[in-house]
Amino acid sequence: RLTQALITALTAPTAHGRLYEVDMRLRPYGQSGILVPS
């Protein structure tokens, strides 16, 4: 949840645009893998 909140804060559109796009697909198993592995 901490990571999801971080991604939302970085990518959420605002009146001034958004900060950044985020790509987490290089983690183990890619998009199907655990968002934050131990």
Full PDB file with SEQRES, HELIX, SHEET, SSBOND, CRYST1, ORIGX, SCALE, CONECT and MASTER records, all heavy atoms in Angstrom:
SEQRES   1 A   38  ARG LEU THR GLN ALA LEU ILE THR ALA LEU THR ALA PRO          
SEQRES   2 A   38  THR ALA HIS GLY ARG LEU TYR GLU VAL ASP MET ARG LEU          
SEQRES   3 A   38  ARG PRO TYR GLY GLN SER GLY ILE LEU VAL PRO SER              
HELIX    1 AA1 LEU A    2  THR A   11  1                                  10    
HELIX    2 AA2 GLY A   30  SER A   32  5                                   3    
CRYST1    1.000    1.000    1.000  90.00  90.00  90.00 P 1           1          
ORIGX1      1.000000  0.000000  0.000000        0.00000                         
ORIGX2      0.000000  1.000000  0.000000        0.00000                         
ORIGX3      0.000000  0.000000  1.000000        0.00000                         
SCALE1      1.000000  0.000000  0.000000        0.00000                         
SCALE2      0.000000  1.000000  0.000000        0.00000                         
SCALE3      0.000000  0.000000  1.000000        0.00000                         
ATOM      1  N   ARG A   1       0.833  -1.217   0.000  1.00  0.00           N  
ATOM      2  CA  ARG A   1       0.000   0.000   0.000  1.00  0.00           C  
ATOM      3  C   ARG A   1       0.862   1.259   0.000  1.00  0.00           C  
ATOM      4  O   ARG A   1       0.503   2.262  -0.629  1.00  0.00           O  
ATOM      5  CB  ARG A   1      -0.921  -0.009   1.218  1.00  0.00           C  
ATOM      6  CG  ARG A   1      -2.052  -1.010   1.115  1.00  0.00           C  
ATOM      7  CD  ARG A   1      -3.050  -0.811   2.242  1.00  0.00           C  
ATOM      8  NE  ARG A   1      -4.141  -1.781   2.172  1.00  0.00           N  
ATOM      9  CZ  ARG A   1      -5.127  -1.847   3.058  1.00  0.00           C  
ATOM     10  NH1 ARG A   1      -5.167  -0.991   4.079  1.00  0.00           N  
ATOM     11  NH2 ARG A   1      -6.076  -2.757   2.942  1.00  0.00           N  
ATOM     12  N   LEU A   2       1.988   1.195   0.685  1.00  0.00           N  
ATOM     13  CA  LEU A   2       2.905   2.332   0.699  1.00  0.00           C  
ATOM     14  C   LEU A   2       3.407   2.625  -0.714  1.00  0.00           C  
ATOM     15  O   LEU A   2       3.442   3.785  -1.150  1.00  0.00           O  
ATOM     16  CB  LEU A   2       4.092   2.031   1.622  1.00  0.00           C  
ATOM     17  CG  LEU A   2       5.198   3.091   1.718  1.00  0.00           C  
ATOM     18  CD1 LEU A   2       4.685   4.365   2.376  1.00  0.00           C  
ATOM     19  CD2 LEU A   2       6.397   2.540   2.486  1.00  0.00           C  
ATOM     20  N   THR A   3       3.755   1.591  -1.442  1.00  0.00           N  
ATOM     21  CA  THR A   3       4.237   1.755  -2.811  1.00  0.00           C  
ATOM     22  C   THR A   3       3.135   2.263  -3.726  1.00  0.00           C  
ATOM     23  O   THR A   3       3.369   3.133  -4.583  1.00  0.00           O  
ATOM     24  CB  THR A   3       4.795   0.424  -3.340  1.00  0.00           C  
ATOM     25  OG1 THR A   3       5.842  -0.011  -2.469  1.00  0.00           O  
ATOM     26  CG2 THR A   3       5.345   0.584  -4.753  1.00  0.00           C  
ATOM     27  N   GLN A   4       1.931   1.735  -3.571  1.00  0.00           N  
ATOM     28  CA  GLN A   4       0.805   2.210  -4.380  1.00  0.00           C  
ATOM     29  C   GLN A   4       0.537   3.697  -4.126  1.00  0.00           C  
ATOM     30  O   GLN A   4       0.249   4.464  -5.056  1.00  0.00           O  
ATOM     31  CB  GLN A   4      -0.438   1.374  -4.069  1.00  0.00           C  
ATOM     32  CG  GLN A   4      -0.362  -0.040  -4.627  1.00  0.00           C  
ATOM     33  CD  GLN A   4      -1.456  -0.948  -4.109  1.00  0.00           C  
ATOM     34  OE1 GLN A   4      -2.075  -0.674  -3.085  1.00  0.00           O  
ATOM     35  NE2 GLN A   4      -1.704  -2.046  -4.817  1.00  0.00           N  
ATOM     36  N   ALA A   5       0.642   4.105  -2.851  1.00  0.00           N  
ATOM     37  CA  ALA A   5       0.448   5.520  -2.516  1.00  0.00           C  
ATOM     38  C   ALA A   5       1.550   6.382  -3.136  1.00  0.00           C  
ATOM     39  O   ALA A   5       1.294   7.495  -3.607  1.00  0.00           O  
ATOM     40  CB  ALA A   5       0.434   5.695  -0.997  1.00  0.00           C  
ATOM     41  N   LEU A   6       2.769   5.864  -3.152  1.00  0.00           N  
ATOM     42  CA  LEU A   6       3.894   6.584  -3.767  1.00  0.00           C  
ATOM     43  C   LEU A   6       3.659   6.756  -5.269  1.00  0.00           C  
ATOM     44  O   LEU A   6       3.829   7.855  -5.810  1.00  0.00           O  
ATOM     45  CB  LEU A   6       5.194   5.812  -3.524  1.00  0.00           C  
ATOM     46  CG  LEU A   6       6.441   6.311  -4.272  1.00  0.00           C  
ATOM     47  CD1 LEU A   6       6.840   7.701  -3.793  1.00  0.00           C  
ATOM     48  CD2 LEU A   6       7.596   5.330  -4.105  1.00  0.00           C  
ATOM     49  N   ILE A   7       3.252   5.688  -5.942  1.00  0.00           N  
ATOM     50  CA  ILE A   7       3.001   5.740  -7.386  1.00  0.00           C  
ATOM     51  C   ILE A   7       1.882   6.731  -7.691  1.00  0.00           C  
ATOM     52  O   ILE A   7       1.980   7.540  -8.624  1.00  0.00           O  
ATOM     53  CB  ILE A   7       2.660   4.339  -7.928  1.00  0.00           C  
ATOM     54  CG1 ILE A   7       3.874   3.423  -7.811  1.00  0.00           C  
ATOM     55  CG2 ILE A   7       2.191   4.424  -9.373  1.00  0.00           C  
ATOM     56  CD1 ILE A   7       3.570   1.966  -8.115  1.00  0.00           C  
ATOM     57  N   THR A   8       0.818   6.691  -6.888  1.00  0.00           N  
ATOM     58  CA  THR A   8      -0.301   7.615  -7.097  1.00  0.00           C  
ATOM     59  C   THR A   8       0.145   9.059  -6.943  1.00  0.00           C  
ATOM     60  O   THR A   8      -0.213   9.930  -7.741  1.00  0.00           O  
ATOM     61  CB  THR A   8      -1.436   7.309  -6.094  1.00  0.00           C  
ATOM     62  OG1 THR A   8      -1.911   5.976  -6.327  1.00  0.00           O  
ATOM     63  CG2 THR A   8      -2.588   8.284  -6.261  1.00  0.00           C  
ATOM     64  N   ALA A   9       0.947   9.332  -5.913  1.00  0.00           N  
ATOM     65  CA  ALA A   9       1.417  10.698  -5.670  1.00  0.00           C  
ATOM     66  C   ALA A   9       2.285  11.205  -6.823  1.00  0.00           C  
ATOM     67  O   ALA A   9       2.239  12.386  -7.179  1.00  0.00           O  
ATOM     68  CB  ALA A   9       2.199  10.754  -4.357  1.00  0.00           C  
ATOM     69  N   LEU A  10       3.067  10.311  -7.418  1.00  0.00           N  
ATOM     70  CA  LEU A  10       3.960  10.713  -8.509  1.00  0.00           C  
ATOM     71  C   LEU A  10       3.223  10.871  -9.843  1.00  0.00           C  
ATOM     72  O   LEU A  10       3.602  11.691 -10.668  1.00  0.00           O  
ATOM     73  CB  LEU A  10       5.080   9.677  -8.671  1.00  0.00           C  
ATOM     74  CG  LEU A  10       6.148   9.625  -7.582  1.00  0.00           C  
ATOM     75  CD1 LEU A  10       7.002   8.376  -7.736  1.00  0.00           C  
ATOM     76  CD2 LEU A  10       7.025  10.875  -7.602  1.00  0.00           C  
ATOM     77  N   THR A  11       2.181  10.067 -10.057  1.00  0.00           N  
ATOM     78  CA  THR A  11       1.554  10.005 -11.383  1.00  0.00           C  
ATOM     79  C   THR A  11       0.197  10.692 -11.480  1.00  0.00           C  
ATOM     80  O   THR A  11      -0.315  10.864 -12.591  1.00  0.00           O  
ATOM     81  CB  THR A  11       1.368   8.531 -11.812  1.00  0.00           C  
ATOM     82  OG1 THR A  11       0.488   7.870 -10.882  1.00  0.00           O  
ATOM     83  CG2 THR A  11       2.700   7.803 -11.830  1.00  0.00           C  
ATOM     84  N   ALA A  12      -0.392  11.089 -10.340  1.00  0.00           N  
ATOM     85  CA  ALA A  12      -1.744  11.669 -10.368  1.00  0.00           C  
ATOM     86  C   ALA A  12      -1.758  12.979 -11.152  1.00  0.00           C  
ATOM     87  O   ALA A  12      -0.922  13.862 -10.908  1.00  0.00           O  
ATOM     88  CB  ALA A  12      -2.238  11.907  -8.952  1.00  0.00           C  
ATOM     89  N   PRO A  13      -2.692  13.146 -12.104  1.00  0.00           N  
ATOM     90  CA  PRO A  13      -2.788  14.405 -12.852  1.00  0.00           C  
ATOM     91  C   PRO A  13      -3.305  15.525 -11.966  1.00  0.00           C  
ATOM     92  O   PRO A  13      -4.196  15.319 -11.137  1.00  0.00           O  
ATOM     93  CB  PRO A  13      -3.778  14.078 -13.968  1.00  0.00           C  
ATOM     94  CG  PRO A  13      -4.564  12.906 -13.480  1.00  0.00           C  
ATOM     95  CD  PRO A  13      -3.661  12.141 -12.564  1.00  0.00           C  
ATOM     96  N   THR A  14      -2.729  16.708 -12.112  1.00  0.00           N  
ATOM     97  CA  THR A  14      -3.165  17.891 -11.361  1.00  0.00           C  
ATOM     98  C   THR A  14      -3.351  19.042 -12.347  1.00  0.00           C  
ATOM     99  O   THR A  14      -3.127  18.891 -13.551  1.00  0.00           O  
ATOM    100  CB  THR A  14      -2.120  18.294 -10.300  1.00  0.00           C  
ATOM    101  OG1 THR A  14      -0.961  18.829 -10.973  1.00  0.00           O  
ATOM    102  CG2 THR A  14      -1.694  17.104  -9.448  1.00  0.00           C  
ATOM    103  N   ALA A  15      -3.725  20.198 -11.820  1.00  0.00           N  
ATOM    104  CA  ALA A  15      -3.884  21.381 -12.672  1.00  0.00           C  
ATOM    105  C   ALA A  15      -2.559  21.783 -13.314  1.00  0.00           C  
ATOM    106  O   ALA A  15      -2.531  22.469 -14.339  1.00  0.00           O  
ATOM    107  CB  ALA A  15      -4.443  22.529 -11.840  1.00  0.00           C  
ATOM    108  N   HIS A  16      -1.447  21.355 -12.711  1.00  0.00           N  
ATOM    109  CA  HIS A  16      -0.116  21.701 -13.218  1.00  0.00           C  
ATOM    110  C   HIS A  16       0.526  20.528 -13.965  1.00  0.00           C  
ATOM    111  O   HIS A  16       1.720  20.560 -14.243  1.00  0.00           O  
ATOM    112  CB  HIS A  16       0.787  22.130 -12.059  1.00  0.00           C  
ATOM    113  CG  HIS A  16       0.227  23.255 -11.251  1.00  0.00           C  
ATOM    114  ND1 HIS A  16       0.146  24.546 -11.726  1.00  0.00           N  
ATOM    115  CD2 HIS A  16      -0.304  23.273 -10.007  1.00  0.00           C  
ATOM    116  CE1 HIS A  16      -0.399  25.323 -10.795  1.00  0.00           C  
ATOM    117  NE2 HIS A  16      -0.691  24.571  -9.756  1.00  0.00           N  
ATOM    118  N   GLY A  17      -0.282  19.498 -14.271  1.00  0.00           N  
ATOM    119  CA  GLY A  17       0.270  18.307 -14.902  1.00  0.00           C  
ATOM    120  C   GLY A  17       0.586  17.250 -13.856  1.00  0.00           C  
ATOM    121  O   GLY A  17       0.111  17.320 -12.727  1.00  0.00           O  
ATOM    122  N   ARG A  18       1.409  16.288 -14.219  1.00  0.00           N  
ATOM    123  CA  ARG A  18       1.795  15.245 -13.266  1.00  0.00           C  
ATOM    124  C   ARG A  18       3.306  15.265 -13.100  1.00  0.00           C  
ATOM    125  O   ARG A  18       4.029  15.785 -13.955  1.00  0.00           O  
ATOM    126  CB  ARG A  18       1.310  13.877 -13.715  1.00  0.00           C  
ATOM    127  CG  ARG A  18       1.986  13.337 -14.961  1.00  0.00           C  
ATOM    128  CD  ARG A  18       1.335  12.031 -15.394  1.00  0.00           C  
ATOM    129  NE  ARG A  18       0.022  12.243 -15.978  1.00  0.00           N  
ATOM    130  CZ  ARG A  18      -0.931  11.338 -16.016  1.00  0.00           C  
ATOM    131  NH1 ARG A  18      -0.742  10.154 -15.478  1.00  0.00           N  
ATOM    132  NH2 ARG A  18      -2.086  11.601 -16.595  1.00  0.00           N  
ATOM    133  N   LEU A  19       3.790  14.697 -12.010  1.00  0.00           N  
ATOM    134  CA  LEU A  19       5.226  14.719 -11.763  1.00  0.00           C  
ATOM    135  C   LEU A  19       5.958  13.796 -12.742  1.00  0.00           C  
ATOM    136  O   LEU A  19       6.789  14.240 -13.532  1.00  0.00           O  
ATOM    137  CB  LEU A  19       5.509  14.296 -10.320  1.00  0.00           C  
ATOM    138  CG  LEU A  19       5.108  15.308  -9.241  1.00  0.00           C  
ATOM    139  CD1 LEU A  19       5.239  14.697  -7.852  1.00  0.00           C  
ATOM    140  CD2 LEU A  19       5.968  16.569  -9.344  1.00  0.00           C  
ATOM    141  N   TYR A  20       5.644  12.500 -12.681  1.00  0.00           N  
ATOM    142  CA  TYR A  20       6.344  11.530 -13.527  1.00  0.00           C  
ATOM    143  C   TYR A  20       5.419  10.358 -13.840  1.00  0.00           C  
ATOM    144  O   TYR A  20       4.458  10.104 -13.114  1.00  0.00           O  
ATOM    145  CB  TYR A  20       7.597  10.973 -12.822  1.00  0.00           C  
ATOM    146  CG  TYR A  20       8.686  11.991 -12.610  1.00  0.00           C  
ATOM    147  CD1 TYR A  20       8.839  12.638 -11.388  1.00  0.00           C  
ATOM    148  CD2 TYR A  20       9.582  12.306 -13.639  1.00  0.00           C  
ATOM    149  CE1 TYR A  20       9.833  13.578 -11.191  1.00  0.00           C  
ATOM    150  CE2 TYR A  20      10.583  13.247 -13.446  1.00  0.00           C  
ATOM    151  CZ  TYR A  20      10.703  13.873 -12.222  1.00  0.00           C  
ATOM    152  OH  TYR A  20      11.692  14.802 -12.039  1.00  0.00           O  
ATOM    153  N   GLU A  21       5.752   9.640 -14.905  1.00  0.00           N  
ATOM    154  CA  GLU A  21       5.191   8.312 -15.125  1.00  0.00           C  
ATOM    155  C   GLU A  21       6.117   7.315 -14.431  1.00  0.00           C  
ATOM    156  O   GLU A  21       7.335   7.527 -14.374  1.00  0.00           O  
ATOM    157  CB  GLU A  21       5.106   7.988 -16.622  1.00  0.00           C  
ATOM    158  CG  GLU A  21       4.123   8.858 -17.398  1.00  0.00           C  
ATOM    159  CD  GLU A  21       2.682   8.570 -17.044  1.00  0.00           C  
ATOM    160  OE1 GLU A  21       2.418   7.514 -16.423  1.00  0.00           O  
ATOM    161  OE2 GLU A  21       1.812   9.398 -17.374  1.00  0.00           O  
ATOM    162  N   VAL A  22       5.559   6.248 -13.900  1.00  0.00           N  
ATOM    163  CA  VAL A  22       6.338   5.258 -13.154  1.00  0.00           C  
ATOM    164  C   VAL A  22       6.195   3.896 -13.815  1.00  0.00           C  
ATOM    165  O   VAL A  22       5.099   3.499 -14.208  1.00  0.00           O  
ATOM    166  CB  VAL A  22       5.873   5.195 -11.684  1.00  0.00           C  
ATOM    167  CG1 VAL A  22       6.557   4.051 -10.953  1.00  0.00           C  
ATOM    168  CG2 VAL A  22       6.166   6.517 -10.978  1.00  0.00           C  
ATOM    169  N   ASP A  23       7.307   3.178 -13.937  1.00  0.00           N  
ATOM    170  CA  ASP A  23       7.302   1.838 -14.529  1.00  0.00           C  
ATOM    171  C   ASP A  23       7.938   0.871 -13.526  1.00  0.00           C  
ATOM    172  O   ASP A  23       9.110   1.012 -13.179  1.00  0.00           O  
ATOM    173  CB  ASP A  23       8.096   1.846 -15.835  1.00  0.00           C  
ATOM    174  CG  ASP A  23       7.901   0.579 -16.651  1.00  0.00           C  
ATOM    175  OD1 ASP A  23       7.540  -0.456 -16.055  1.00  0.00           O  
ATOM    176  OD2 ASP A  23       8.121   0.611 -17.870  1.00  0.00           O  
ATOM    177  N   MET A  24       7.146  -0.101 -13.068  1.00  0.00           N  
ATOM    178  CA  MET A  24       7.626  -1.074 -12.084  1.00  0.00           C  
ATOM    179  C   MET A  24       7.769  -2.475 -12.698  1.00  0.00           C  
ATOM    180  O   MET A  24       7.893  -3.471 -11.979  1.00  0.00           O  
ATOM    181  CB  MET A  24       6.629  -1.145 -10.918  1.00  0.00           C  
ATOM    182  CG  MET A  24       6.419   0.154 -10.175  1.00  0.00           C  
ATOM    183  SD  MET A  24       7.728   0.480  -8.991  1.00  0.00           S  
ATOM    184  CE  MET A  24       7.391  -0.779  -7.776  1.00  0.00           C  
ATOM    185  N   ARG A  25       7.764  -2.584 -14.016  1.00  0.00           N  
ATOM    186  CA  ARG A  25       7.711  -3.896 -14.663  1.00  0.00           C  
ATOM    187  C   ARG A  25       9.013  -4.678 -14.598  1.00  0.00           C  
ATOM    188  O   ARG A  25       9.045  -5.862 -14.957  1.00  0.00           O  
ATOM    189  CB  ARG A  25       7.289  -3.729 -16.122  1.00  0.00           C  
ATOM    190  CG  ARG A  25       5.837  -3.295 -16.301  1.00  0.00           C  
ATOM    191  CD  ARG A  25       5.511  -3.049 -17.755  1.00  0.00           C  
ATOM    192  NE  ARG A  25       6.292  -1.951 -18.304  1.00  0.00           N  
ATOM    193  CZ  ARG A  25       6.274  -1.595 -19.577  1.00  0.00           C  
ATOM    194  NH1 ARG A  25       5.529  -2.270 -20.441  1.00  0.00           N  
ATOM    195  NH2 ARG A  25       6.996  -0.569 -19.993  1.00  0.00           N  
ATOM    196  N   LEU A  26      10.101  -4.078 -14.147  1.00  0.00           N  
ATOM    197  CA  LEU A  26      11.370  -4.791 -14.086  1.00  0.00           C  
ATOM    198  C   LEU A  26      11.513  -5.629 -12.813  1.00  0.00           C  
ATOM    199  O   LEU A  26      12.503  -6.333 -12.647  1.00  0.00           O  
ATOM    200  CB  LEU A  26      12.541  -3.804 -14.192  1.00  0.00           C  
ATOM    201  CG  LEU A  26      12.724  -3.156 -15.566  1.00  0.00           C  
ATOM    202  CD1 LEU A  26      13.807  -2.100 -15.529  1.00  0.00           C  
ATOM    203  CD2 LEU A  26      13.041  -4.195 -16.629  1.00  0.00           C  
ATOM    204  N   ARG A  27      10.521  -5.569 -11.924  1.00  0.00           N  
ATOM    205  CA  ARG A  27      10.571  -6.384 -10.706  1.00  0.00           C  
ATOM    206  C   ARG A  27      10.384  -7.864 -11.063  1.00  0.00           C  
ATOM    207  O   ARG A  27       9.932  -8.190 -12.167  1.00  0.00           O  
ATOM    208  CB  ARG A  27       9.485  -5.941  -9.726  1.00  0.00           C  
ATOM    209  CG  ARG A  27       8.059  -6.222 -10.166  1.00  0.00           C  
ATOM    210  CD  ARG A  27       7.090  -5.608  -9.179  1.00  0.00           C  
ATOM    211  NE  ARG A  27       5.699  -5.974  -9.427  1.00  0.00           N  
ATOM    212  CZ  ARG A  27       4.872  -5.348 -10.241  1.00  0.00           C  
ATOM    213  NH1 ARG A  27       5.312  -4.300 -10.938  1.00  0.00           N  
ATOM    214  NH2 ARG A  27       3.616  -5.745 -10.375  1.00  0.00           N  
ATOM    215  N   PRO A  28      10.735  -8.785 -10.144  1.00  0.00           N  
ATOM    216  CA  PRO A  28      10.555 -10.214 -10.421  1.00  0.00           C  
ATOM    217  C   PRO A  28       9.134 -10.548 -10.865  1.00  0.00           C  
ATOM    218  O   PRO A  28       8.166 -10.085 -10.260  1.00  0.00           O  
ATOM    219  CB  PRO A  28      10.881 -10.868  -9.077  1.00  0.00           C  
ATOM    220  CG  PRO A  28      11.880  -9.935  -8.448  1.00  0.00           C  
ATOM    221  CD  PRO A  28      11.408  -8.562  -8.856  1.00  0.00           C  
ATOM    222  N   TYR A  29       9.020 -11.317 -11.925  1.00  0.00           N  
ATOM    223  CA  TYR A  29       7.756 -11.748 -12.538  1.00  0.00           C  
ATOM    224  C   TYR A  29       6.983 -10.588 -13.177  1.00  0.00           C  
ATOM    225  O   TYR A  29       5.832 -10.755 -13.571  1.00  0.00           O  
ATOM    226  CB  TYR A  29       6.858 -12.467 -11.521  1.00  0.00           C  
ATOM    227  CG  TYR A  29       7.506 -13.659 -10.866  1.00  0.00           C  
ATOM    228  CD1 TYR A  29       7.885 -13.626  -9.525  1.00  0.00           C  
ATOM    229  CD2 TYR A  29       7.743 -14.826 -11.582  1.00  0.00           C  
ATOM    230  CE1 TYR A  29       8.486 -14.721  -8.914  1.00  0.00           C  
ATOM    231  CE2 TYR A  29       8.345 -15.922 -10.981  1.00  0.00           C  
ATOM    232  CZ  TYR A  29       8.713 -15.865  -9.653  1.00  0.00           C  
ATOM    233  OH  TYR A  29       9.318 -16.954  -9.052  1.00  0.00           O  
ATOM    234  N   GLY A  30       7.570  -9.414 -13.291  1.00  0.00           N  
ATOM    235  CA  GLY A  30       6.946  -8.299 -13.985  1.00  0.00           C  
ATOM    236  C   GLY A  30       5.627  -7.876 -13.367  1.00  0.00           C  
ATOM    237  O   GLY A  30       5.475  -7.856 -12.149  1.00  0.00           O  
ATOM    238  N   GLN A  31       4.663  -7.549 -14.222  1.00  0.00           N  
ATOM    239  CA  GLN A  31       3.379  -7.032 -13.743  1.00  0.00           C  
ATOM    240  C   GLN A  31       2.597  -8.052 -12.922  1.00  0.00           C  
ATOM    241  O   GLN A  31       1.750  -7.677 -12.104  1.00  0.00           O  
ATOM    242  CB  GLN A  31       2.524  -6.574 -14.929  1.00  0.00           C  
ATOM    243  CG  GLN A  31       3.031  -5.283 -15.564  1.00  0.00           C  
ATOM    244  CD  GLN A  31       2.203  -4.872 -16.772  1.00  0.00           C  
ATOM    245  OE1 GLN A  31       2.007  -5.649 -17.700  1.00  0.00           O  
ATOM    246  NE2 GLN A  31       1.694  -3.652 -16.759  1.00  0.00           N  
ATOM    247  N   SER A  32       2.865  -9.339 -13.118  1.00  0.00           N  
ATOM    248  CA  SER A  32       2.156 -10.364 -12.356  1.00  0.00           C  
ATOM    249  C   SER A  32       2.816 -10.653 -11.014  1.00  0.00           C  
ATOM    250  O   SER A  32       2.271 -11.414 -10.205  1.00  0.00           O  
ATOM    251  CB  SER A  32       2.064 -11.665 -13.170  1.00  0.00           C  
ATOM    252  OG  SER A  32       3.366 -12.164 -13.455  1.00  0.00           O  
ATOM    253  N   GLY A  33       3.977 -10.059 -10.763  1.00  0.00           N  
ATOM    254  CA  GLY A  33       4.700 -10.316  -9.521  1.00  0.00           C  
ATOM    255  C   GLY A  33       4.251  -9.427  -8.385  1.00  0.00           C  
ATOM    256  O   GLY A  33       3.503  -8.456  -8.568  1.00  0.00           O  
ATOM    257  N   ILE A  34       4.712  -9.757  -7.182  1.00  0.00           N  
ATOM    258  CA  ILE A  34       4.432  -8.952  -5.998  1.00  0.00           C  
ATOM    259  C   ILE A  34       4.990  -7.545  -6.212  1.00  0.00           C  
ATOM    260  O   ILE A  34       6.115  -7.386  -6.693  1.00  0.00           O  
ATOM    261  CB  ILE A  34       5.076  -9.598  -4.748  1.00  0.00           C  
ATOM    262  CG1 ILE A  34       4.443 -10.972  -4.490  1.00  0.00           C  
ATOM    263  CG2 ILE A  34       4.931  -8.708  -3.521  1.00  0.00           C  
ATOM    264  CD1 ILE A  34       5.187 -11.787  -3.455  1.00  0.00           C  
ATOM    265  N   LEU A  35       4.207  -6.529  -5.858  1.00  0.00           N  
ATOM    266  CA  LEU A  35       4.618  -5.152  -6.114  1.00  0.00           C  
ATOM    267  C   LEU A  35       5.913  -4.806  -5.387  1.00  0.00           C  
ATOM    268  O   LEU A  35       6.800  -4.162  -5.951  1.00  0.00           O  
ATOM    269  CB  LEU A  35       3.497  -4.190  -5.686  1.00  0.00           C  
ATOM    270  CG  LEU A  35       3.668  -2.717  -6.084  1.00  0.00           C  
ATOM    271  CD1 LEU A  35       3.762  -2.569  -7.598  1.00  0.00           C  
ATOM    272  CD2 LEU A  35       2.517  -1.885  -5.535  1.00  0.00           C  
ATOM    273  N   VAL A  36       6.017  -5.236  -4.119  1.00  0.00           N  
ATOM    274  CA  VAL A  36       7.224  -4.971  -3.331  1.00  0.00           C  
ATOM    275  C   VAL A  36       7.688  -6.279  -2.685  1.00  0.00           C  
ATOM    276  O   VAL A  36       7.180  -6.662  -1.629  1.00  0.00           O  
ATOM    277  CB  VAL A  36       6.980  -3.922  -2.226  1.00  0.00           C  
ATOM    278  CG1 VAL A  36       8.314  -3.438  -1.648  1.00  0.00           C  
ATOM    279  CG2 VAL A  36       6.186  -2.759  -2.743  1.00  0.00           C  
ATOM    280  N   PRO A  37       8.629  -6.975  -3.275  1.00  0.00           N  
ATOM    281  CA  PRO A  37       9.100  -8.228  -2.681  1.00  0.00           C  
ATOM    282  C   PRO A  37      10.008  -7.966  -1.481  1.00  0.00           C  
ATOM    283  O   PRO A  37      10.627  -6.900  -1.374  1.00  0.00           O  
ATOM    284  CB  PRO A  37       9.875  -8.890  -3.816  1.00  0.00           C  
ATOM    285  CG  PRO A  37      10.310  -7.757  -4.688  1.00  0.00           C  
ATOM    286  CD  PRO A  37       9.259  -6.690  -4.566  1.00  0.00           C  
ATOM    287  N   SER A  38      10.068  -8.938  -0.584  1.00  0.00           N  
ATOM    288  CA  SER A  38      10.979  -8.830   0.556  1.00  0.00           C  
ATOM    289  C   SER A  38      12.404  -9.094   0.086  1.00  0.00           C  
ATOM    290  O   SER A  38      12.629  -9.690  -0.977  1.00  0.00           O  
ATOM    291  CB  SER A  38      10.603  -9.838   1.639  1.00  0.00           C  
ATOM    292  OG  SER A  38      10.839 -11.159   1.170  1.00  0.00           O  
TER     293      SER A  38                                                      
MASTER        0    0    0    2    0    0    0    6  292    1    0    3          
END                                                                             
